[in-house]
Protein backbone atom coordinates (compact mmCIF):
# COMPACT_ATOMS: atom_id res chain seq x y z
CA UNK A 1 0.16 -0.30 -0.26
CA UNK A 2 1.52 3.22 -0.99
CA UNK A 3 -1.75 5.63 1.05
CA UNK A 4 -1.92 9.06 0.62
CA UNK A 5 -4.20 11.12 2.67
CA UNK A 6 -5.16 14.93 1.59
CA UNK A 7 -7.48 18.20 1.55
CA UNK A 8 -8.61 17.78 -1.95
CA UNK A 9 -11.48 18.51 -3.76
CA UNK A 10 -10.28 17.06 -6.75
CA UNK A 11 -13.13 13.89 -7.41
CA UNK A 12 -14.51 12.88 -9.76
CA UNK A 13 -17.89 11.32 -9.82
CA UNK A 14 -17.15 7.49 -11.35
CA UNK A 15 -14.93 7.04 -8.10
CA UNK A 16 -17.22 8.59 -5.66
CA UNK A 17 -19.98 6.50 -6.78
CA UNK A 18 -18.26 3.45 -6.41
CA UNK A 19 -16.85 4.13 -2.48
CA UNK A 20 -20.26 5.06 -1.16
CA UNK A 21 -21.31 1.13 -3.74
CA UNK A 22 -19.08 -0.39 -1.84
CA UNK A 23 -20.17 0.51 1.22
CA UNK A 24 -23.86 -0.07 1.53
CA UNK A 25 -24.80 4.35 1.10
CA UNK A 26 -27.91 5.24 -0.02
CA UNK A 27 -26.64 8.64 -1.60
CA UNK A 28 -24.45 7.18 -3.95
CA UNK A 29 -27.92 6.74 -6.46
CA UNK A 30 -27.76 10.49 -5.97
CA UNK A 31 -24.21 11.23 -7.72
CA UNK A 32 -24.63 14.65 -8.76
CA UNK A 33 -25.89 16.20 -5.41
CA UNK A 34 -23.65 13.24 -3.29
CA UNK A 35 -20.38 15.25 -4.93
CA UNK A 36 -21.80 18.65 -4.88
CA UNK A 37 -22.78 18.32 -1.66
CA UNK A 38 -18.49 16.36 -0.40
CA UNK A 39 -17.62 19.55 -3.38
CA UNK A 40 -18.96 21.85 -0.87
CA UNK A 41 -17.74 20.62 2.14
CA UNK A 42 -15.62 23.18 4.86
CA UNK A 43 -13.23 20.49 4.00
CA UNK A 44 -12.93 17.38 2.16
CA UNK A 45 -9.96 14.68 2.35
CA UNK A 46 -9.30 11.60 0.57
CA UNK A 47 -6.65 8.83 0.69
CA UNK A 48 -6.19 7.40 -2.17
CA UNK A 49 -4.06 4.28 -3.16
CA UNK A 50 -1.83 4.36 -5.91
CA UNK A 51 -4.08 7.29 -7.31
CA UNK A 52 -7.27 5.36 -6.70
CA UNK A 53 -9.78 6.65 -4.21
CA UNK A 54 -9.64 4.32 -0.95
CA UNK A 55 -11.61 6.36 1.83
CA UNK A 56 -12.47 10.00 2.33
CA UNK A 57 -14.40 12.41 5.43
CA UNK A 58 -16.48 15.15 4.85
CA UNK A 59 -16.52 18.71 7.26
CA UNK A 60 -19.09 20.23 7.67
CA UNK A 61 -18.60 23.47 10.03
CA UNK A 62 -19.08 27.42 10.79
CA UNK A 63 -15.49 27.49 10.25
CA UNK A 64 -15.22 28.80 14.54
CA UNK A 65 -17.04 26.77 17.18
CA UNK A 66 -19.03 24.58 15.33
CA UNK A 67 -18.11 20.56 12.89
CA UNK A 68 -19.91 18.38 12.66
CA UNK A 69 -18.61 15.23 10.88
CA UNK A 70 -21.06 13.88 7.91
CA UNK A 71 -19.39 10.95 5.66
CA UNK A 72 -16.44 8.85 6.58
CA UNK A 73 -16.08 5.93 3.88
CA UNK A 74 -12.78 3.46 3.22
CA UNK A 75 -13.70 0.81 0.27
CA UNK A 76 -14.83 -2.36 2.20
CA UNK A 77 -11.20 -4.67 1.50
CA UNK A 78 -8.88 -0.77 2.93
CA UNK A 79 -11.12 -2.04 5.99
CA UNK A 80 -9.47 -2.85 9.76
CA UNK A 81 -6.31 -0.95 8.24
CA UNK A 82 -6.05 2.50 10.20
CA UNK A 83 -7.69 4.44 7.09
CA UNK A 84 -10.77 5.32 8.27
CA UNK A 85 -8.44 5.86 12.16
CA UNK A 86 -6.05 8.12 9.63
CA UNK A 87 -8.65 10.91 8.44
CA UNK A 88 -10.56 11.27 11.54
CA UNK A 89 -6.73 12.20 13.28
CA UNK A 90 -6.54 14.59 10.69
CA UNK A 91 -9.59 15.59 11.12
CA UNK A 92 -9.27 16.21 14.81
CA UNK A 93 -6.08 17.71 14.87
CA UNK A 94 -7.66 21.42 12.37
CA UNK A 95 -10.41 21.23 14.21
CA UNK A 96 -9.46 20.94 17.83
CA UNK A 97 -9.57 23.41 19.13
CA UNK A 98 -13.98 23.98 18.07
CA UNK A 99 -16.07 23.69 20.96
CA UNK A 100 -17.77 20.86 19.28
CA UNK A 101 -17.40 18.13 17.14
CA UNK A 102 -20.26 16.27 16.77
CA UNK A 103 -21.34 12.84 13.85
CA UNK A 104 -23.61 11.20 14.20
CA UNK A 105 -23.09 6.42 14.55
CA UNK A 106 -24.45 4.33 14.78
CA UNK A 107 -24.15 0.13 13.85
CA UNK A 108 -20.47 -0.94 13.58
CA UNK A 109 -19.69 2.93 13.72
CA UNK A 110 -20.38 3.43 17.55
CA UNK A 111 -17.25 1.66 18.86
CA UNK A 112 -15.19 3.11 15.93
CA UNK A 113 -15.76 6.64 17.12
CA UNK A 114 -15.70 5.78 20.33
CA UNK A 115 -12.07 4.72 19.74
CA UNK A 116 -11.29 8.05 17.77
CA UNK A 117 -12.74 9.28 21.68
CA UNK A 118 -15.68 10.20 21.34
CA UNK A 119 -18.74 9.59 23.65
CA UNK A 120 -22.88 10.05 23.86
CA UNK A 121 -24.27 13.61 24.44
CA UNK A 122 -25.27 13.41 27.75
CA UNK A 123 -29.34 12.13 27.09
CA UNK A 124 -29.59 13.58 23.58
CA UNK A 125 -31.14 11.72 20.97
CA UNK A 126 -30.51 11.38 17.00
CA UNK A 127 -33.23 13.09 14.70
CA UNK A 128 -33.78 13.13 11.11
CA UNK A 129 -36.00 13.26 8.23
CA UNK A 130 -33.98 10.77 6.72
CA UNK A 131 -34.93 9.33 2.82
CA UNK A 132 -32.63 6.73 2.63
CA UNK A 133 -32.57 3.67 3.48
CA UNK A 134 -29.09 2.03 4.18
CA UNK A 135 -29.97 2.88 8.61
């Protein structure tokens, strides 16, 4: 493996859709909106192995107090190799002085994010209006 983690919005629709489909995320069904959303993020981190997109994470922020991490995906064949943790570490370095770093986790992702230092937020409960079917 020859991994390169960069802060870059240089992504192509086909490679993004492949990554999302491999992880069975329904947003892959809206490729134009997905790519536009990622490119309009405050920060987009990509991980490539010899040029191939194998992971990404994005952050939405007010730029001062609050940052929200909506997406973090790694190709399934690269799971367990520390790539997701590498992305989260870079985000936490960039936003370490912010008042709040927020995300929503479910399934196996809960334990992953706990290992990255996140914890449930008191008695709060995640709520959403969601049109997908992958959760």
